[in-house]
Amino acid sequence: MRKHDEAYWRAYCRAGAKLGFHIHLVAYITVNLLLVFINYSTSPQYLWFRWPLLGWGIGLLFHWLAVFVRPKLMRHFIQRELEKNRSGD
C-alpha cells in the first residue's frame, strides 16, 4: 500500500467515526425530544424521560470520548514512548 493510500484510508476512517457520532447525536436529540413530549402529554406529574435521557447520554458521552478524545490521547502516548526510546530509557 502506498503512503498516499494509507493516509486516505486513515482520513476515511476518522471521517466515518465522526459521521457516526453525529448520527448518534441527532438520534439522541430526536428520540429524547419525542420522549419529553410523550412524558408531558401523558403523565406530567412524574418526569420519567430523564432516565433514558441520562442513560443514553452516558453512552453518547463515551462515544464522543472514543471519537474525539482517544485519538489525541493515543498520539500523546505514542509521542511519549518515541521520546523515551530516543533517550534510551
N, C-alpha and C. Protein backbone atom coordinates (compact mmCIF):
# COMPACT_ATOMS: atom_id res chain seq x y z
N MET A 1 0.85 -1.18 0.00
CA MET A 1 0.00 0.00 0.00
C MET A 1 0.89 1.24 0.00
N ARG A 2 0.59 2.14 -0.85
CA ARG A 2 1.35 3.38 -0.91
C ARG A 2 0.96 4.29 0.23
N LYS A 3 1.89 5.21 0.54
CA LYS A 3 1.66 6.12 1.67
C LYS A 3 0.40 6.96 1.46
N HIS A 4 0.18 7.40 0.22
CA HIS A 4 -1.00 8.21 -0.08
C HIS A 4 -2.27 7.41 0.21
N ASP A 5 -2.29 6.14 -0.18
CA ASP A 5 -3.46 5.29 0.07
C ASP A 5 -3.68 5.11 1.56
N GLU A 6 -2.61 4.94 2.30
CA GLU A 6 -2.71 4.75 3.75
C GLU A 6 -3.25 6.02 4.42
N ALA A 7 -2.77 7.17 4.00
CA ALA A 7 -3.25 8.45 4.57
C ALA A 7 -4.73 8.64 4.24
N TYR A 8 -5.11 8.29 3.01
CA TYR A 8 -6.51 8.41 2.62
C TYR A 8 -7.37 7.48 3.48
N TRP A 9 -6.91 6.25 3.69
CA TRP A 9 -7.68 5.29 4.47
C TRP A 9 -7.85 5.76 5.91
N ARG A 10 -6.77 6.31 6.51
CA ARG A 10 -6.88 6.84 7.88
C ARG A 10 -7.88 7.99 7.93
N ALA A 11 -7.81 8.91 6.96
CA ALA A 11 -8.74 10.04 6.92
C ALA A 11 -10.17 9.55 6.72
N TYR A 12 -10.34 8.55 5.87
CA TYR A 12 -11.66 7.99 5.61
C TYR A 12 -12.25 7.38 6.89
N CYS A 13 -11.43 6.65 7.63
CA CYS A 13 -11.89 6.04 8.88
C CYS A 13 -12.24 7.09 9.92
N ARG A 14 -11.43 8.14 10.04
CA ARG A 14 -11.71 9.21 11.01
C ARG A 14 -12.99 9.94 10.64
N ALA A 15 -13.17 10.21 9.34
CA ALA A 15 -14.39 10.89 8.90
C ALA A 15 -15.61 10.01 9.18
N GLY A 16 -15.48 8.71 8.97
CA GLY A 16 -16.58 7.80 9.25
C GLY A 16 -16.93 7.76 10.73
N ALA A 17 -15.91 7.79 11.58
CA ALA A 17 -16.15 7.80 13.03
C ALA A 17 -16.86 9.08 13.45
N LYS A 18 -16.44 10.21 12.89
CA LYS A 18 -17.08 11.49 13.23
C LYS A 18 -18.52 11.54 12.72
N LEU A 19 -18.74 11.02 11.51
CA LEU A 19 -20.10 10.98 10.98
C LEU A 19 -20.98 10.09 11.84
N GLY A 20 -20.45 8.95 12.27
CA GLY A 20 -21.20 8.05 13.14
C GLY A 20 -21.60 8.72 14.44
N PHE A 21 -20.69 9.50 15.02
CA PHE A 21 -21.03 10.22 16.24
C PHE A 21 -22.14 11.23 15.99
N HIS A 22 -22.05 11.98 14.89
CA HIS A 22 -23.06 12.99 14.61
C HIS A 22 -24.43 12.36 14.34
N ILE A 23 -24.46 11.21 13.70
CA ILE A 23 -25.73 10.49 13.51
C ILE A 23 -26.28 10.07 14.86
N HIS A 24 -25.42 9.56 15.74
CA HIS A 24 -25.83 9.16 17.09
C HIS A 24 -26.40 10.36 17.84
N LEU A 25 -25.76 11.50 17.73
CA LEU A 25 -26.21 12.72 18.41
C LEU A 25 -27.59 13.15 17.91
N VAL A 26 -27.80 13.13 16.60
CA VAL A 26 -29.10 13.52 16.05
C VAL A 26 -30.19 12.56 16.51
N ALA A 27 -29.88 11.26 16.52
CA ALA A 27 -30.86 10.27 17.01
C ALA A 27 -31.18 10.52 18.48
N TYR A 28 -30.16 10.80 19.28
CA TYR A 28 -30.34 11.08 20.71
C TYR A 28 -31.27 12.27 20.91
N ILE A 29 -31.00 13.35 20.21
CA ILE A 29 -31.81 14.57 20.36
C ILE A 29 -33.24 14.31 19.90
N THR A 30 -33.40 13.70 18.74
CA THR A 30 -34.73 13.47 18.18
C THR A 30 -35.58 12.57 19.08
N VAL A 31 -35.03 11.43 19.44
CA VAL A 31 -35.79 10.46 20.26
C VAL A 31 -36.09 11.05 21.63
N ASN A 32 -35.14 11.73 22.23
CA ASN A 32 -35.38 12.27 23.57
C ASN A 32 -36.36 13.43 23.56
N LEU A 33 -36.37 14.23 22.49
CA LEU A 33 -37.42 15.26 22.39
C LEU A 33 -38.78 14.60 22.29
N LEU A 34 -38.88 13.50 21.56
CA LEU A 34 -40.14 12.76 21.46
C LEU A 34 -40.54 12.20 22.83
N LEU A 35 -39.57 11.66 23.56
CA LEU A 35 -39.87 11.13 24.89
C LEU A 35 -40.34 12.23 25.86
N VAL A 36 -39.72 13.40 25.78
CA VAL A 36 -40.15 14.53 26.62
C VAL A 36 -41.59 14.90 26.28
N PHE A 37 -41.88 14.98 24.99
CA PHE A 37 -43.25 15.31 24.56
C PHE A 37 -44.25 14.27 25.07
N ILE A 38 -43.92 12.98 24.90
CA ILE A 38 -44.81 11.91 25.37
C ILE A 38 -45.00 11.99 26.88
N ASN A 39 -43.90 12.21 27.60
CA ASN A 39 -43.98 12.28 29.06
C ASN A 39 -44.91 13.42 29.51
N TYR A 40 -44.70 14.62 28.97
CA TYR A 40 -45.53 15.75 29.37
C TYR A 40 -46.98 15.61 28.91
N SER A 41 -47.18 14.87 27.81
CA SER A 41 -48.55 14.68 27.30
C SER A 41 -49.33 13.65 28.09
N THR A 42 -48.65 12.65 28.62
CA THR A 42 -49.37 11.54 29.26
C THR A 42 -49.29 11.55 30.78
N SER A 43 -48.14 11.87 31.34
CA SER A 43 -48.02 11.84 32.81
C SER A 43 -47.04 12.91 33.29
N PRO A 44 -47.47 14.17 33.23
CA PRO A 44 -46.56 15.25 33.63
C PRO A 44 -46.23 15.27 35.11
N GLN A 45 -46.98 14.53 35.92
CA GLN A 45 -46.70 14.51 37.35
C GLN A 45 -45.43 13.74 37.68
N TYR A 46 -45.01 12.81 36.81
CA TYR A 46 -43.76 12.07 37.01
C TYR A 46 -42.91 12.22 35.77
N LEU A 47 -41.75 12.83 35.91
CA LEU A 47 -40.88 13.09 34.77
C LEU A 47 -39.91 11.92 34.55
N TRP A 48 -40.41 10.87 33.92
CA TRP A 48 -39.61 9.67 33.69
C TRP A 48 -38.64 9.82 32.52
N PHE A 49 -38.84 10.82 31.65
CA PHE A 49 -38.00 10.96 30.47
C PHE A 49 -36.53 11.16 30.82
N ARG A 50 -36.27 11.65 32.03
CA ARG A 50 -34.88 11.94 32.40
C ARG A 50 -34.03 10.68 32.51
N TRP A 51 -34.65 9.52 32.79
CA TRP A 51 -33.87 8.29 32.95
C TRP A 51 -33.31 7.79 31.62
N PRO A 52 -34.12 7.68 30.56
CA PRO A 52 -33.50 7.32 29.28
C PRO A 52 -32.56 8.41 28.77
N LEU A 53 -32.89 9.67 29.05
CA LEU A 53 -32.02 10.78 28.66
C LEU A 53 -30.65 10.64 29.30
N LEU A 54 -30.64 10.31 30.59
CA LEU A 54 -29.38 10.15 31.32
C LEU A 54 -28.61 8.91 30.84
N GLY A 55 -29.30 7.78 30.76
CA GLY A 55 -28.64 6.54 30.35
C GLY A 55 -28.03 6.63 28.96
N TRP A 56 -28.82 7.10 28.02
CA TRP A 56 -28.34 7.24 26.65
C TRP A 56 -27.28 8.34 26.58
N GLY A 57 -27.44 9.37 27.40
CA GLY A 57 -26.45 10.45 27.43
C GLY A 57 -25.08 9.96 27.86
N ILE A 58 -25.05 9.01 28.80
CA ILE A 58 -23.77 8.42 29.22
C ILE A 58 -23.14 7.67 28.05
N GLY A 59 -23.95 6.91 27.31
CA GLY A 59 -23.45 6.22 26.12
C GLY A 59 -22.94 7.20 25.08
N LEU A 60 -23.65 8.29 24.88
CA LEU A 60 -23.23 9.31 23.92
C LEU A 60 -21.92 9.97 24.37
N LEU A 61 -21.77 10.19 25.67
CA LEU A 61 -20.52 10.75 26.19
C LEU A 61 -19.34 9.83 25.88
N PHE A 62 -19.51 8.53 26.10
CA PHE A 62 -18.43 7.59 25.80
C PHE A 62 -18.14 7.52 24.30
N HIS A 63 -19.18 7.64 23.48
CA HIS A 63 -18.97 7.68 22.03
C HIS A 63 -18.14 8.91 21.66
N TRP A 64 -18.48 10.06 22.24
CA TRP A 64 -17.73 11.29 21.99
C TRP A 64 -16.27 11.14 22.42
N LEU A 65 -16.07 10.57 23.60
CA LEU A 65 -14.70 10.35 24.09
C LEU A 65 -13.91 9.47 23.14
N ALA A 66 -14.54 8.41 22.65
CA ALA A 66 -13.85 7.47 21.76
C ALA A 66 -13.50 8.13 20.43
N VAL A 67 -14.36 9.00 19.94
CA VAL A 67 -14.13 9.59 18.62
C VAL A 67 -13.22 10.82 18.69
N PHE A 68 -13.39 11.67 19.69
CA PHE A 68 -12.68 12.95 19.70
C PHE A 68 -11.54 13.04 20.70
N VAL A 69 -11.57 12.30 21.79
CA VAL A 69 -10.53 12.42 22.81
C VAL A 69 -9.48 11.33 22.66
N ARG A 70 -9.92 10.10 22.47
CA ARG A 70 -8.99 8.96 22.40
C ARG A 70 -7.89 9.15 21.36
N PRO A 71 -8.17 9.60 20.13
CA PRO A 71 -7.08 9.76 19.17
C PRO A 71 -6.00 10.74 19.64
N LYS A 72 -6.40 11.81 20.31
CA LYS A 72 -5.42 12.78 20.82
C LYS A 72 -4.60 12.16 21.94
N LEU A 73 -5.26 11.39 22.82
CA LEU A 73 -4.53 10.72 23.89
C LEU A 73 -3.55 9.71 23.32
N MET A 74 -3.99 8.96 22.32
CA MET A 74 -3.11 7.96 21.70
C MET A 74 -1.88 8.64 21.10
N ARG A 75 -2.09 9.74 20.38
CA ARG A 75 -0.95 10.46 19.79
C ARG A 75 -0.01 10.95 20.89
N HIS A 76 -0.56 11.43 22.00
CA HIS A 76 0.24 11.90 23.12
C HIS A 76 1.09 10.76 23.69
N PHE A 77 0.45 9.61 23.93
CA PHE A 77 1.18 8.47 24.50
C PHE A 77 2.21 7.91 23.52
N ILE A 78 1.87 7.88 22.25
CA ILE A 78 2.84 7.42 21.24
C ILE A 78 4.05 8.34 21.22
N GLN A 79 3.80 9.66 21.25
CA GLN A 79 4.90 10.63 21.26
C GLN A 79 5.78 10.44 22.48
N ARG A 80 5.18 10.22 23.65
CA ARG A 80 5.96 9.99 24.87
C ARG A 80 6.82 8.74 24.74
N GLU A 81 6.26 7.68 24.19
CA GLU A 81 7.03 6.44 24.01
C GLU A 81 8.17 6.64 23.03
N LEU A 82 7.93 7.37 21.96
CA LEU A 82 9.00 7.64 20.99
C LEU A 82 10.13 8.44 21.64
N GLU A 83 9.77 9.42 22.45
CA GLU A 83 10.78 10.24 23.13
C GLU A 83 11.57 9.39 24.13
N LYS A 84 10.89 8.49 24.84
CA LYS A 84 11.59 7.59 25.77
C LYS A 84 12.57 6.69 25.03
N ASN A 85 12.13 6.18 23.89
CA ASN A 85 13.00 5.30 23.11
C ASN A 85 14.22 6.03 22.58
N ARG A 86 14.04 7.29 22.20
CA ARG A 86 15.17 8.09 21.70
C ARG A 86 16.19 8.38 22.78
N SER A 87 15.68 8.60 24.00
CA SER A 87 16.60 8.92 25.10
C SER A 87 17.22 7.68 25.74
N GLY A 88 16.75 6.50 25.34
CA GLY A 88 17.36 5.27 25.83
C GLY A 88 16.79 4.73 27.13
N ASP A 89 15.65 5.23 27.57
CA ASP A 89 15.03 4.74 28.83
C ASP A 89 14.34 3.42 28.60
